[in-house]
Amino acid sequence: EHGEQNFLRDKLLEAAFLEFMVLFNRACIAQPKAFITTAVYH
C-alpha cells in the first residue's frame, strides 16, 4: 500500500487480502479452541 510501484496494485492487494482471509479462516477451523472463553460479562 505504501510502495512506489502502482502497476496493478489493486489486483495484488486483493490477492493479499484474500490470502490473509483464507489463512485466517483455516486457522479458525483447525484451532477451534483458539476462541477465548474468558470474557467478563453479566
PDB file of all heavy atoms in Angstrom:
ATOM      1  N   GLU A   1       0.819  -1.216   0.000  1.00  0.00           N
ATOM      2  CA  GLU A   1       0.000   0.000   0.000  1.00  0.00           C
ATOM      3  C   GLU A   1       0.851   1.263   0.000  1.00  0.00           C
ATOM      4  O   GLU A   1       0.433   2.302  -0.509  1.00  0.00           O
ATOM      5  CB  GLU A   1      -0.933   0.007   1.214  1.00  0.00           C
ATOM      6  CG  GLU A   1      -2.112  -0.947   1.078  1.00  0.00           C
ATOM      7  CD  GLU A   1      -3.107  -0.791   2.213  1.00  0.00           C
ATOM      8  OE1 GLU A   1      -2.694  -0.365   3.317  1.00  0.00           O
ATOM      9  OE2 GLU A   1      -4.296  -1.097   1.998  1.00  0.00           O
ATOM     10  N   HIS A   2       2.053   1.180   0.544  1.00  0.00           N
ATOM     11  CA  HIS A   2       2.912   2.366   0.639  1.00  0.00           C
ATOM     12  C   HIS A   2       4.126   2.293  -0.292  1.00  0.00           C
ATOM     13  O   HIS A   2       5.025   3.124  -0.204  1.00  0.00           O
ATOM     14  CB  HIS A   2       3.373   2.550   2.091  1.00  0.00           C
ATOM     15  CG  HIS A   2       2.249   2.889   3.024  1.00  0.00           C
ATOM     16  ND1 HIS A   2       1.820   4.173   3.255  1.00  0.00           N
ATOM     17  CD2 HIS A   2       1.434   2.090   3.750  1.00  0.00           C
ATOM     18  CE1 HIS A   2       0.805   4.163   4.101  1.00  0.00           C
ATOM     19  NE2 HIS A   2       0.552   2.908   4.412  1.00  0.00           N
ATOM     20  N   GLY A   3       4.125   1.313  -1.171  1.00  0.00           N
ATOM     21  CA  GLY A   3       5.237   1.173  -2.102  1.00  0.00           C
ATOM     22  C   GLY A   3       5.154   2.154  -3.263  1.00  0.00           C
ATOM     23  O   GLY A   3       4.145   2.837  -3.461  1.00  0.00           O
ATOM     24  N   GLU A   4       6.192   2.204  -4.058  1.00  0.00           N
ATOM     25  CA  GLU A   4       6.260   3.144  -5.178  1.00  0.00           C
ATOM     26  C   GLU A   4       5.689   2.559  -6.466  1.00  0.00           C
ATOM     27  O   GLU A   4       5.383   3.296  -7.402  1.00  0.00           O
ATOM     28  CB  GLU A   4       7.719   3.574  -5.401  1.00  0.00           C
ATOM     29  CG  GLU A   4       8.309   4.341  -4.217  1.00  0.00           C
ATOM     30  CD  GLU A   4       9.744   4.775  -4.474  1.00  0.00           C
ATOM     31  OE1 GLU A   4      10.269   4.462  -5.567  1.00  0.00           O
ATOM     32  OE2 GLU A   4      10.331   5.423  -3.590  1.00  0.00           O
ATOM     33  N   GLN A   5       5.553   1.238  -6.546  1.00  0.00           N
ATOM     34  CA  GLN A   5       5.073   0.600  -7.765  1.00  0.00           C
ATOM     35  C   GLN A   5       3.540   0.578  -7.776  1.00  0.00           C
ATOM     36  O   GLN A   5       2.904   0.014  -6.889  1.00  0.00           O
ATOM     37  CB  GLN A   5       5.606  -0.839  -7.833  1.00  0.00           C
ATOM     38  CG  GLN A   5       5.120  -1.638  -9.019  1.00  0.00           C
ATOM     39  CD  GLN A   5       5.502  -1.023 -10.347  1.00  0.00           C
ATOM     40  OE1 GLN A   5       4.722  -0.259 -10.937  1.00  0.00           O
ATOM     41  NE2 GLN A   5       6.704  -1.329 -10.819  1.00  0.00           N
ATOM     42  N   ASN A   6       2.935   1.227  -8.778  1.00  0.00           N
ATOM     43  CA  ASN A   6       1.482   1.332  -8.847  1.00  0.00           C
ATOM     44  C   ASN A   6       0.840   0.341  -9.814  1.00  0.00           C
ATOM     45  O   ASN A   6      -0.373   0.139  -9.764  1.00  0.00           O
ATOM     46  CB  ASN A   6       1.079   2.753  -9.280  1.00  0.00           C
ATOM     47  CG  ASN A   6       1.419   3.792  -8.226  1.00  0.00           C
ATOM     48  OD1 ASN A   6       1.255   3.547  -7.033  1.00  0.00           O
ATOM     49  ND2 ASN A   6       1.904   4.941  -8.669  1.00  0.00           N
ATOM     50  N   PHE A   7       1.621  -0.267 -10.697  1.00  0.00           N
ATOM     51  CA  PHE A   7       1.063  -1.121 -11.736  1.00  0.00           C
ATOM     52  C   PHE A   7       0.293  -2.305 -11.135  1.00  0.00           C
ATOM     53  O   PHE A   7       0.849  -3.120 -10.393  1.00  0.00           O
ATOM     54  CB  PHE A   7       2.184  -1.634 -12.653  1.00  0.00           C
ATOM     55  CG  PHE A   7       1.684  -2.501 -13.781  1.00  0.00           C
ATOM     56  CD1 PHE A   7       1.000  -1.954 -14.853  1.00  0.00           C
ATOM     57  CD2 PHE A   7       1.890  -3.874 -13.747  1.00  0.00           C
ATOM     58  CE1 PHE A   7       0.544  -2.750 -15.886  1.00  0.00           C
ATOM     59  CE2 PHE A   7       1.435  -4.684 -14.770  1.00  0.00           C
ATOM     60  CZ  PHE A   7       0.750  -4.122 -15.852  1.00  0.00           C
ATOM     61  N   LEU A   8      -1.017  -2.372 -11.419  1.00  0.00           N
ATOM     62  CA  LEU A   8      -1.900  -3.445 -10.948  1.00  0.00           C
ATOM     63  C   LEU A   8      -1.862  -3.630  -9.425  1.00  0.00           C
ATOM     64  O   LEU A   8      -2.056  -4.731  -8.917  1.00  0.00           O
ATOM     65  CB  LEU A   8      -1.561  -4.769 -11.645  1.00  0.00           C
ATOM     66  CG  LEU A   8      -1.884  -4.837 -13.145  1.00  0.00           C
ATOM     67  CD1 LEU A   8      -1.460  -6.178 -13.715  1.00  0.00           C
ATOM     68  CD2 LEU A   8      -3.381  -4.612 -13.387  1.00  0.00           C
ATOM     69  N   ARG A   9      -1.625  -2.530  -8.725  1.00  0.00           N
ATOM     70  CA  ARG A   9      -1.570  -2.609  -7.264  1.00  0.00           C
ATOM     71  C   ARG A   9      -2.882  -3.128  -6.689  1.00  0.00           C
ATOM     72  O   ARG A   9      -2.890  -3.915  -5.732  1.00  0.00           O
ATOM     73  CB  ARG A   9      -1.250  -1.243  -6.677  1.00  0.00           C
ATOM     74  CG  ARG A   9      -1.383  -1.190  -5.143  1.00  0.00           C
ATOM     75  CD  ARG A   9      -1.003   0.161  -4.596  1.00  0.00           C
ATOM     76  NE  ARG A   9       0.420   0.358  -4.650  1.00  0.00           N
ATOM     77  CZ  ARG A   9       1.021   1.542  -4.491  1.00  0.00           C
ATOM     78  NH1 ARG A   9       0.275   2.623  -4.295  1.00  0.00           N
ATOM     79  NH2 ARG A   9       2.324   1.653  -4.533  1.00  0.00           N
ATOM     80  N   ASP A  10      -4.012  -2.694  -7.258  1.00  0.00           N
ATOM     81  CA  ASP A  10      -5.301  -3.123  -6.726  1.00  0.00           C
ATOM     82  C   ASP A  10      -5.469  -4.642  -6.789  1.00  0.00           C
ATOM     83  O   ASP A  10      -6.000  -5.262  -5.871  1.00  0.00           O
ATOM     84  CB  ASP A  10      -6.451  -2.425  -7.456  1.00  0.00           C
ATOM     85  CG  ASP A  10      -6.436  -2.667  -8.963  1.00  0.00           C
ATOM     86  OD1 ASP A  10      -5.351  -2.965  -9.518  1.00  0.00           O
ATOM     87  OD2 ASP A  10      -7.510  -2.553  -9.593  1.00  0.00           O
ATOM     88  N   LYS A  11      -4.967  -5.250  -7.873  1.00  0.00           N
ATOM     89  CA  LYS A  11      -5.084  -6.704  -8.013  1.00  0.00           C
ATOM     90  C   LYS A  11      -4.186  -7.435  -7.013  1.00  0.00           C
ATOM     91  O   LYS A  11      -4.569  -8.451  -6.431  1.00  0.00           O
ATOM     92  CB  LYS A  11      -4.722  -7.122  -9.437  1.00  0.00           C
ATOM     93  CG  LYS A  11      -5.676  -6.602 -10.498  1.00  0.00           C
ATOM     94  CD  LYS A  11      -7.084  -7.134 -10.269  1.00  0.00           C
ATOM     95  CE  LYS A  11      -8.042  -6.664 -11.342  1.00  0.00           C
ATOM     96  NZ  LYS A  11      -9.441  -7.111 -11.070  1.00  0.00           N
ATOM     97  N   LEU A  12      -2.990  -6.896  -6.818  1.00  0.00           N
ATOM     98  CA  LEU A  12      -2.069  -7.524  -5.874  1.00  0.00           C
ATOM     99  C   LEU A  12      -2.591  -7.407  -4.446  1.00  0.00           C
ATOM    100  O   LEU A  12      -2.507  -8.355  -3.652  1.00  0.00           O
ATOM    101  CB  LEU A  12      -0.687  -6.885  -5.988  1.00  0.00           C
ATOM    102  CG  LEU A  12       0.471  -7.628  -5.301  1.00  0.00           C
ATOM    103  CD1 LEU A  12       0.581  -9.048  -5.834  1.00  0.00           C
ATOM    104  CD2 LEU A  12       1.784  -6.880  -5.514  1.00  0.00           C
ATOM    105  N   LEU A  13      -3.174  -6.246  -4.122  1.00  0.00           N
ATOM    106  CA  LEU A  13      -3.736  -6.070  -2.790  1.00  0.00           C
ATOM    107  C   LEU A  13      -4.936  -6.990  -2.573  1.00  0.00           C
ATOM    108  O   LEU A  13      -5.089  -7.583  -1.505  1.00  0.00           O
ATOM    109  CB  LEU A  13      -4.159  -4.605  -2.579  1.00  0.00           C
ATOM    110  CG  LEU A  13      -3.028  -3.620  -2.313  1.00  0.00           C
ATOM    111  CD1 LEU A  13      -3.562  -2.197  -2.288  1.00  0.00           C
ATOM    112  CD2 LEU A  13      -2.335  -3.939  -0.986  1.00  0.00           C
ATOM    113  N   GLU A  14      -5.773  -7.121  -3.587  1.00  0.00           N
ATOM    114  CA  GLU A  14      -6.919  -8.025  -3.464  1.00  0.00           C
ATOM    115  C   GLU A  14      -6.454  -9.461  -3.210  1.00  0.00           C
ATOM    116  O   GLU A  14      -6.998 -10.170  -2.360  1.00  0.00           O
ATOM    117  CB  GLU A  14      -7.783  -7.972  -4.722  1.00  0.00           C
ATOM    118  CG  GLU A  14      -9.012  -8.872  -4.637  1.00  0.00           C
ATOM    119  CD  GLU A  14      -9.897  -8.789  -5.867  1.00  0.00           C
ATOM    120  OE1 GLU A  14      -9.488  -8.150  -6.853  1.00  0.00           O
ATOM    121  OE2 GLU A  14     -11.001  -9.352  -5.828  1.00  0.00           O
ATOM    122  N   ALA A  15      -5.414  -9.868  -3.943  1.00  0.00           N
ATOM    123  CA  ALA A  15      -4.869 -11.216  -3.749  1.00  0.00           C
ATOM    124  C   ALA A  15      -4.307 -11.382  -2.340  1.00  0.00           C
ATOM    125  O   ALA A  15      -4.480 -12.434  -1.704  1.00  0.00           O
ATOM    126  CB  ALA A  15      -3.783 -11.491  -4.786  1.00  0.00           C
ATOM    127  N   ALA A  16      -3.657 -10.333  -1.825  1.00  0.00           N
ATOM    128  CA  ALA A  16      -3.058 -10.413  -0.491  1.00  0.00           C
ATOM    129  C   ALA A  16      -4.132 -10.475   0.598  1.00  0.00           C
ATOM    130  O   ALA A  16      -4.003 -11.234   1.575  1.00  0.00           O
ATOM    131  CB  ALA A  16      -2.146  -9.211  -0.265  1.00  0.00           C
ATOM    132  N   PHE A  17      -5.205  -9.677   0.455  1.00  0.00           N
ATOM    133  CA  PHE A  17      -6.300  -9.736   1.423  1.00  0.00           C
ATOM    134  C   PHE A  17      -7.004 -11.087   1.365  1.00  0.00           C
ATOM    135  O   PHE A  17      -7.394 -11.643   2.392  1.00  0.00           O
ATOM    136  CB  PHE A  17      -7.296  -8.603   1.180  1.00  0.00           C
ATOM    137  CG  PHE A  17      -6.928  -7.304   1.848  1.00  0.00           C
ATOM    138  CD1 PHE A  17      -6.285  -6.306   1.153  1.00  0.00           C
ATOM    139  CD2 PHE A  17      -7.226  -7.092   3.186  1.00  0.00           C
ATOM    140  CE1 PHE A  17      -5.947  -5.108   1.757  1.00  0.00           C
ATOM    141  CE2 PHE A  17      -6.889  -5.896   3.804  1.00  0.00           C
ATOM    142  CZ  PHE A  17      -6.243  -4.903   3.100  1.00  0.00           C
ATOM    143  N   LEU A  18      -7.177 -11.628   0.158  1.00  0.00           N
ATOM    144  CA  LEU A  18      -7.767 -12.952   0.020  1.00  0.00           C
ATOM    145  C   LEU A  18      -6.903 -14.008   0.712  1.00  0.00           C
ATOM    146  O   LEU A  18      -7.414 -14.882   1.416  1.00  0.00           O
ATOM    147  CB  LEU A  18      -7.944 -13.303  -1.461  1.00  0.00           C
ATOM    148  CG  LEU A  18      -9.139 -12.685  -2.174  1.00  0.00           C
ATOM    149  CD1 LEU A  18      -9.030 -12.897  -3.689  1.00  0.00           C
ATOM    150  CD2 LEU A  18     -10.441 -13.306  -1.662  1.00  0.00           C
ATOM    151  N   GLU A  19      -5.595 -13.898   0.515  1.00  0.00           N
ATOM    152  CA  GLU A  19      -4.688 -14.851   1.162  1.00  0.00           C
ATOM    153  C   GLU A  19      -4.814 -14.764   2.680  1.00  0.00           C
ATOM    154  O   GLU A  19      -4.898 -15.796   3.372  1.00  0.00           O
ATOM    155  CB  GLU A  19      -3.241 -14.581   0.745  1.00  0.00           C
ATOM    156  CG  GLU A  19      -2.242 -15.539   1.399  1.00  0.00           C
ATOM    157  CD  GLU A  19      -0.794 -15.184   1.104  1.00  0.00           C
ATOM    158  OE1 GLU A  19      -0.550 -14.153   0.439  1.00  0.00           O
ATOM    159  OE2 GLU A  19       0.091 -15.933   1.564  1.00  0.00           O
ATOM    160  N   PHE A  20      -4.833 -13.538   3.196  1.00  0.00           N
ATOM    161  CA  PHE A  20      -4.954 -13.369   4.645  1.00  0.00           C
ATOM    162  C   PHE A  20      -6.238 -14.010   5.154  1.00  0.00           C
ATOM    163  O   PHE A  20      -6.231 -14.755   6.145  1.00  0.00           O
ATOM    164  CB  PHE A  20      -4.934 -11.883   5.019  1.00  0.00           C
ATOM    165  CG  PHE A  20      -5.225 -11.641   6.478  1.00  0.00           C
ATOM    166  CD1 PHE A  20      -4.219 -11.745   7.427  1.00  0.00           C
ATOM    167  CD2 PHE A  20      -6.514 -11.337   6.896  1.00  0.00           C
ATOM    168  CE1 PHE A  20      -4.492 -11.549   8.776  1.00  0.00           C
ATOM    169  CE2 PHE A  20      -6.800 -11.147   8.244  1.00  0.00           C
ATOM    170  CZ  PHE A  20      -5.791 -11.253   9.178  1.00  0.00           C
ATOM    171  N   MET A  21      -7.362 -13.744   4.481  1.00  0.00           N
ATOM    172  CA  MET A  21      -8.642 -14.251   4.957  1.00  0.00           C
ATOM    173  C   MET A  21      -8.734 -15.773   4.841  1.00  0.00           C
ATOM    174  O   MET A  21      -9.328 -16.430   5.704  1.00  0.00           O
ATOM    175  CB  MET A  21      -9.797 -13.587   4.207  1.00  0.00           C
ATOM    176  CG  MET A  21     -10.040 -12.129   4.595  1.00  0.00           C
ATOM    177  SD  MET A  21     -10.210 -11.887   6.389  1.00  0.00           S
ATOM    178  CE  MET A  21     -11.541 -13.021   6.799  1.00  0.00           C
ATOM    179  N   VAL A  22      -8.166 -16.344   3.793  1.00  0.00           N
ATOM    180  CA  VAL A  22      -8.173 -17.809   3.665  1.00  0.00           C
ATOM    181  C   VAL A  22      -7.354 -18.431   4.791  1.00  0.00           C
ATOM    182  O   VAL A  22      -7.792 -19.383   5.452  1.00  0.00           O
ATOM    183  CB  VAL A  22      -7.642 -18.240   2.283  1.00  0.00           C
ATOM    184  CG1 VAL A  22      -7.417 -19.752   2.248  1.00  0.00           C
ATOM    185  CG2 VAL A  22      -8.615 -17.837   1.177  1.00  0.00           C
ATOM    186  N   LEU A  23      -6.154 -17.892   5.034  1.00  0.00           N
ATOM    187  CA  LEU A  23      -5.315 -18.411   6.115  1.00  0.00           C
ATOM    188  C   LEU A  23      -5.975 -18.224   7.475  1.00  0.00           C
ATOM    189  O   LEU A  23      -5.891 -19.101   8.346  1.00  0.00           O
ATOM    190  CB  LEU A  23      -3.943 -17.731   6.097  1.00  0.00           C
ATOM    191  CG  LEU A  23      -3.037 -18.046   4.905  1.00  0.00           C
ATOM    192  CD1 LEU A  23      -1.747 -17.235   4.994  1.00  0.00           C
ATOM    193  CD2 LEU A  23      -2.727 -19.534   4.838  1.00  0.00           C
ATOM    194  N   PHE A  24      -6.625 -17.088   7.650  1.00  0.00           N
ATOM    195  CA  PHE A  24      -7.286 -16.806   8.929  1.00  0.00           C
ATOM    196  C   PHE A  24      -8.423 -17.800   9.173  1.00  0.00           C
ATOM    197  O   PHE A  24      -8.559 -18.359  10.267  1.00  0.00           O
ATOM    198  CB  PHE A  24      -7.815 -15.372   8.940  1.00  0.00           C
ATOM    199  CG  PHE A  24      -8.310 -14.923  10.283  1.00  0.00           C
ATOM    200  CD1 PHE A  24      -7.431 -14.401  11.215  1.00  0.00           C
ATOM    201  CD2 PHE A  24      -9.652 -15.034  10.627  1.00  0.00           C
ATOM    202  CE1 PHE A  24      -7.884 -13.995  12.465  1.00  0.00           C
ATOM    203  CE2 PHE A  24     -10.111 -14.640  11.866  1.00  0.00           C
ATOM    204  CZ  PHE A  24      -9.225 -14.118  12.790  1.00  0.00           C
ATOM    205  N   ASN A  25      -9.234 -18.024   8.149  1.00  0.00           N
ATOM    206  CA  ASN A  25     -10.333 -18.982   8.287  1.00  0.00           C
ATOM    207  C   ASN A  25      -9.814 -20.397   8.525  1.00  0.00           C
ATOM    208  O   ASN A  25     -10.372 -21.150   9.328  1.00  0.00           O
ATOM    209  CB  ASN A  25     -11.224 -18.940   7.047  1.00  0.00           C
ATOM    210  CG  ASN A  25     -12.257 -17.833   7.104  1.00  0.00           C
ATOM    211  OD1 ASN A  25     -13.259 -17.947   7.799  1.00  0.00           O
ATOM    212  ND2 ASN A  25     -12.006 -16.755   6.372  1.00  0.00           N
ATOM    213  N   ARG A  26      -8.764 -20.764   7.819  1.00  0.00           N
ATOM    214  CA  ARG A  26      -8.192 -22.098   8.029  1.00  0.00           C
ATOM    215  C   ARG A  26      -7.694 -22.267   9.465  1.00  0.00           C
ATOM    216  O   ARG A  26      -7.862 -23.330  10.073  1.00  0.00           O
ATOM    217  CB  ARG A  26      -7.046 -22.331   7.045  1.00  0.00           C
ATOM    218  CG  ARG A  26      -7.505 -22.575   5.609  1.00  0.00           C
ATOM    219  CD  ARG A  26      -6.320 -22.839   4.702  1.00  0.00           C
ATOM    220  NE  ARG A  26      -6.737 -23.197   3.347  1.00  0.00           N
ATOM    221  CZ  ARG A  26      -5.903 -23.505   2.354  1.00  0.00           C
ATOM    222  NH1 ARG A  26      -4.585 -23.486   2.577  1.00  0.00           N
ATOM    223  NH2 ARG A  26      -6.364 -23.816   1.163  1.00  0.00           N
ATOM    224  N   ALA A  27      -7.101 -21.208  10.010  1.00  0.00           N
ATOM    225  CA  ALA A  27      -6.611 -21.269  11.391  1.00  0.00           C
ATOM    226  C   ALA A  27      -7.779 -21.423  12.370  1.00  0.00           C
ATOM    227  O   ALA A  27      -7.702 -22.183  13.340  1.00  0.00           O
ATOM    228  CB  ALA A  27      -5.799 -20.023  11.726  1.00  0.00           C
ATOM    229  N   CYS A  28      -8.882 -20.716  12.104  1.00  0.00           N
ATOM    230  CA  CYS A  28     -10.070 -20.830  12.962  1.00  0.00           C
ATOM    231  C   CYS A  28     -10.624 -22.251  12.935  1.00  0.00           C
ATOM    232  O   CYS A  28     -11.008 -22.808  13.973  1.00  0.00           O
ATOM    233  CB  CYS A  28     -11.151 -19.850  12.513  1.00  0.00           C
ATOM    234  SG  CYS A  28     -10.775 -18.112  12.814  1.00  0.00           S
ATOM    235  N   ILE A  29     -10.690 -22.836  11.732  1.00  0.00           N
ATOM    236  CA  ILE A  29     -11.238 -24.184  11.578  1.00  0.00           C
ATOM    237  C   ILE A  29     -10.317 -25.225  12.222  1.00  0.00           C
ATOM    238  O   ILE A  29     -10.776 -26.157  12.888  1.00  0.00           O
ATOM    239  CB  ILE A  29     -11.464 -24.494  10.088  1.00  0.00           C
ATOM    240  CG1 ILE A  29     -12.564 -23.587   9.527  1.00  0.00           C
ATOM    241  CG2 ILE A  29     -11.818 -25.966   9.878  1.00  0.00           C
ATOM    242  CD1 ILE A  29     -12.662 -23.589   8.012  1.00  0.00           C
ATOM    243  N   ALA A  30      -9.008 -25.041  12.043  1.00  0.00           N
ATOM    244  CA  ALA A  30      -8.046 -26.010  12.583  1.00  0.00           C
ATOM    245  C   ALA A  30      -7.880 -25.882  14.098  1.00  0.00           C
ATOM    246  O   ALA A  30      -7.524 -26.859  14.762  1.00  0.00           O
ATOM    247  CB  ALA A  30      -6.688 -25.821  11.899  1.00  0.00           C
ATOM    248  N   GLN A  31      -8.133 -24.671  14.638  1.00  0.00           N
ATOM    249  CA  GLN A  31      -7.915 -24.438  16.072  1.00  0.00           C
ATOM    250  C   GLN A  31      -9.174 -23.851  16.728  1.00  0.00           C
ATOM    251  O   GLN A  31      -9.175 -22.693  17.153  1.00  0.00           O
ATOM    252  CB  GLN A  31      -6.743 -23.477  16.271  1.00  0.00           C
ATOM    253  CG  GLN A  31      -5.421 -23.944  15.662  1.00  0.00           C
ATOM    254  CD  GLN A  31      -4.326 -22.916  15.820  1.00  0.00           C
ATOM    255  OE1 GLN A  31      -4.050 -22.423  16.916  1.00  0.00           O
ATOM    256  NE2 GLN A  31      -3.683 -22.581  14.716  1.00  0.00           N
ATOM    257  N   PRO A  32     -10.254 -24.617  16.811  1.00  0.00           N
ATOM    258  CA  PRO A  32     -11.483 -24.071  17.403  1.00  0.00           C
ATOM    259  C   PRO A  32     -11.303 -23.642  18.854  1.00  0.00           C
ATOM    260  O   PRO A  32     -12.033 -22.762  19.337  1.00  0.00           O
ATOM    261  CB  PRO A  32     -12.475 -25.245  17.286  1.00  0.00           C
ATOM    262  CG  PRO A  32     -11.619 -26.466  17.138  1.00  0.00           C
ATOM    263  CD  PRO A  32     -10.400 -26.020  16.383  1.00  0.00           C
ATOM    264  N   LYS A  33     -10.323 -24.218  19.546  1.00  0.00           N
ATOM    265  CA  LYS A  33     -10.083 -23.831  20.934  1.00  0.00           C
ATOM    266  C   LYS A  33      -9.329 -22.507  21.045  1.00  0.00           C
ATOM    267  O   LYS A  33      -9.075 -22.028  22.159  1.00  0.00           O
ATOM    268  CB  LYS A  33      -9.325 -24.935  21.666  1.00  0.00           C
ATOM    269  CG  LYS A  33     -10.148 -26.201  21.862  1.00  0.00           C
ATOM    270  CD  LYS A  33      -9.406 -27.237  22.692  1.00  0.00           C
ATOM    271  CE  LYS A  33     -10.262 -28.477  22.916  1.00  0.00           C
ATOM    272  NZ  LYS A  33      -9.548 -29.505  23.720  1.00  0.00           N
ATOM    273  N   ALA A  34      -8.981 -21.918  19.896  1.00  0.00           N
ATOM    274  CA  ALA A  34      -8.311 -20.615  19.919  1.00  0.00           C
ATOM    275  C   ALA A  34      -9.265 -19.504  20.339  1.00  0.00           C
ATOM    276  O   ALA A  34      -8.830 -18.428  20.765  1.00  0.00           O
ATOM    277  CB  ALA A  34      -7.716 -20.295  18.544  1.00  0.00           C
ATOM    278  N   PHE A  35     -10.571 -19.742  20.222  1.00  0.00           N
ATOM    279  CA  PHE A  35     -11.537 -18.735  20.661  1.00  0.00           C
ATOM    280  C   PHE A  35     -11.474 -18.602  22.178  1.00  0.00           C
ATOM    281  O   PHE A  35     -11.627 -19.578  22.917  1.00  0.00           O
ATOM    282  CB  PHE A  35     -12.958 -19.129  20.232  1.00  0.00           C
ATOM    283  CG  PHE A  35     -13.246 -18.898  18.781  1.00  0.00           C
ATOM    284  CD1 PHE A  35     -13.056 -19.909  17.858  1.00  0.00           C
ATOM    285  CD2 PHE A  35     -13.699 -17.666  18.331  1.00  0.00           C
ATOM    286  CE1 PHE A  35     -13.319 -19.706  16.506  1.00  0.00           C
ATOM    287  CE2 PHE A  35     -13.962 -17.447  16.989  1.00  0.00           C
ATOM    288  CZ  PHE A  35     -13.773 -18.470  16.071  1.00  0.00           C
ATOM    289  N   ILE A  36     -11.226 -17.376  22.644  1.00  0.00           N
ATOM    290  CA  ILE A  36     -11.064 -17.096  24.065  1.00  0.00           C
ATOM    291  C   ILE A  36     -12.418 -17.187  24.781  1.00  0.00           C
ATOM    292  O   ILE A  36     -13.404 -16.590  24.336  1.00  0.00           O
ATOM    293  CB  ILE A  36     -10.460 -15.696  24.269  1.00  0.00           C
ATOM    294  CG1 ILE A  36      -9.112 -15.567  23.547  1.00  0.00           C
ATOM    295  CG2 ILE A  36     -10.317 -15.378  25.755  1.00  0.00           C
ATOM    296  CD1 ILE A  36      -8.056 -16.518  24.035  1.00  0.00           C
ATOM    297  N   THR A  37     -12.457 -17.911  25.880  1.00  0.00           N
ATOM    298  CA  THR A  37     -13.711 -18.100  26.622  1.00  0.00           C
ATOM    299  C   THR A  37     -13.697 -17.403  27.982  1.00  0.00           C
ATOM    300  O   THR A  37     -14.539 -17.674  28.829  1.00  0.00           O
ATOM    301  CB  THR A  37     -13.979 -19.602  26.835  1.00  0.00           C
ATOM    302  OG1 THR A  37     -12.890 -20.173  27.569  1.00  0.00           O
ATOM    303  CG2 THR A  37     -14.130 -20.331  25.510  1.00  0.00           C
ATOM    304  N   THR A  38     -12.743 -16.480  28.170  1.00  0.00           N
ATOM    305  CA  THR A  38     -12.585 -15.849  29.484  1.00  0.00           C
ATOM    306  C   THR A  38     -13.139 -14.428  29.523  1.00  0.00           C
ATOM    307  O   THR A  38     -12.714 -13.621  30.346  1.00  0.00           O
ATOM    308  CB  THR A  38     -11.099 -15.832  29.885  1.00  0.00           C
ATOM    309  OG1 THR A  38     -10.333 -15.179  28.861  1.00  0.00           O
ATOM    310  CG2 THR A  38     -10.572 -17.236  30.082  1.00  0.00           C
ATOM    311  N   ALA A  39     -14.075 -14.115  28.640  1.00  0.00           N
ATOM    312  CA  ALA A  39     -14.669 -12.780  28.648  1.00  0.00           C
ATOM    313  C   ALA A  39     -15.425 -12.556  29.954  1.00  0.00           C
ATOM    314  O   ALA A  39     -15.973 -13.482  30.555  1.00  0.00           O
ATOM    315  CB  ALA A  39     -15.619 -12.620  27.468  1.00  0.00           C
ATOM    316  N   VAL A  40     -15.464 -11.296  30.387  1.00  0.00           N
ATOM    317  CA  VAL A  40     -16.220 -10.906  31.575  1.00  0.00           C
ATOM    318  C   VAL A  40     -17.542 -10.311  31.112  1.00  0.00           C
ATOM    319  O   VAL A  40     -17.566  -9.434  30.245  1.00  0.00           O
ATOM    320  CB  VAL A  40     -15.436  -9.873  32.414  1.00  0.00           C
ATOM    321  CG1 VAL A  40     -16.272  -9.388  33.594  1.00  0.00           C
ATOM    322  CG2 VAL A  40     -14.117 -10.473  32.892  1.00  0.00           C
ATOM    323  N   TYR A  41     -18.651 -10.789  31.678  1.00  0.00           N
ATOM    324  CA  TYR A  41     -19.950 -10.268  31.264  1.00  0.00           C
ATOM    325  C   TYR A  41     -21.021 -10.631  32.270  1.00  0.00           C
ATOM    326  O   TYR A  41     -20.861 -11.553  33.080  1.00  0.00           O
ATOM    327  CB  TYR A  41     -20.332 -10.786  29.885  1.00  0.00           C
ATOM    328  CG  TYR A  41     -20.452 -12.296  29.778  1.00  0.00           C
ATOM    329  CD1 TYR A  41     -21.679 -12.940  29.904  1.00  0.00           C
ATOM    330  CD2 TYR A  41     -19.322 -13.088  29.540  1.00  0.00           C
ATOM    331  CE1 TYR A  41     -21.780 -14.310  29.803  1.00  0.00           C
ATOM    332  CE2 TYR A  41     -19.422 -14.464  29.438  1.00  0.00           C
ATOM    333  CZ  TYR A  41     -20.648 -15.077  29.569  1.00  0.00           C
ATOM    334  OH  TYR A  41     -20.748 -16.441  29.472  1.00  0.00           O
ATOM    335  N   HIS A  42     -22.114  -9.874  32.207  1.00  0.00           N
ATOM    336  CA  HIS A  42     -23.294 -10.156  33.014  1.00  0.00           C
ATOM    337  C   HIS A  42     -24.157 -11.117  32.213  1.00  0.00           C
ATOM    338  O   HIS A  42     -24.679 -10.765  31.153  1.00  0.00           O
ATOM    339  CB  HIS A  42     -24.044  -8.850  33.289  1.00  0.00           C
ATOM    340  CG  HIS A  42     -25.130  -8.964  34.308  1.00  0.00           C
ATOM    341  ND1 HIS A  42     -26.194  -9.838  34.180  1.00  0.00           N
ATOM    342  CD2 HIS A  42     -25.321  -8.309  35.496  1.00  0.00           C
ATOM    343  CE1 HIS A  42     -27.001  -9.711  35.215  1.00  0.00           C
ATOM    344  NE2 HIS A  42     -26.483  -8.809  36.030  1.00  0.00           N
TER     345      HIS A  42
END
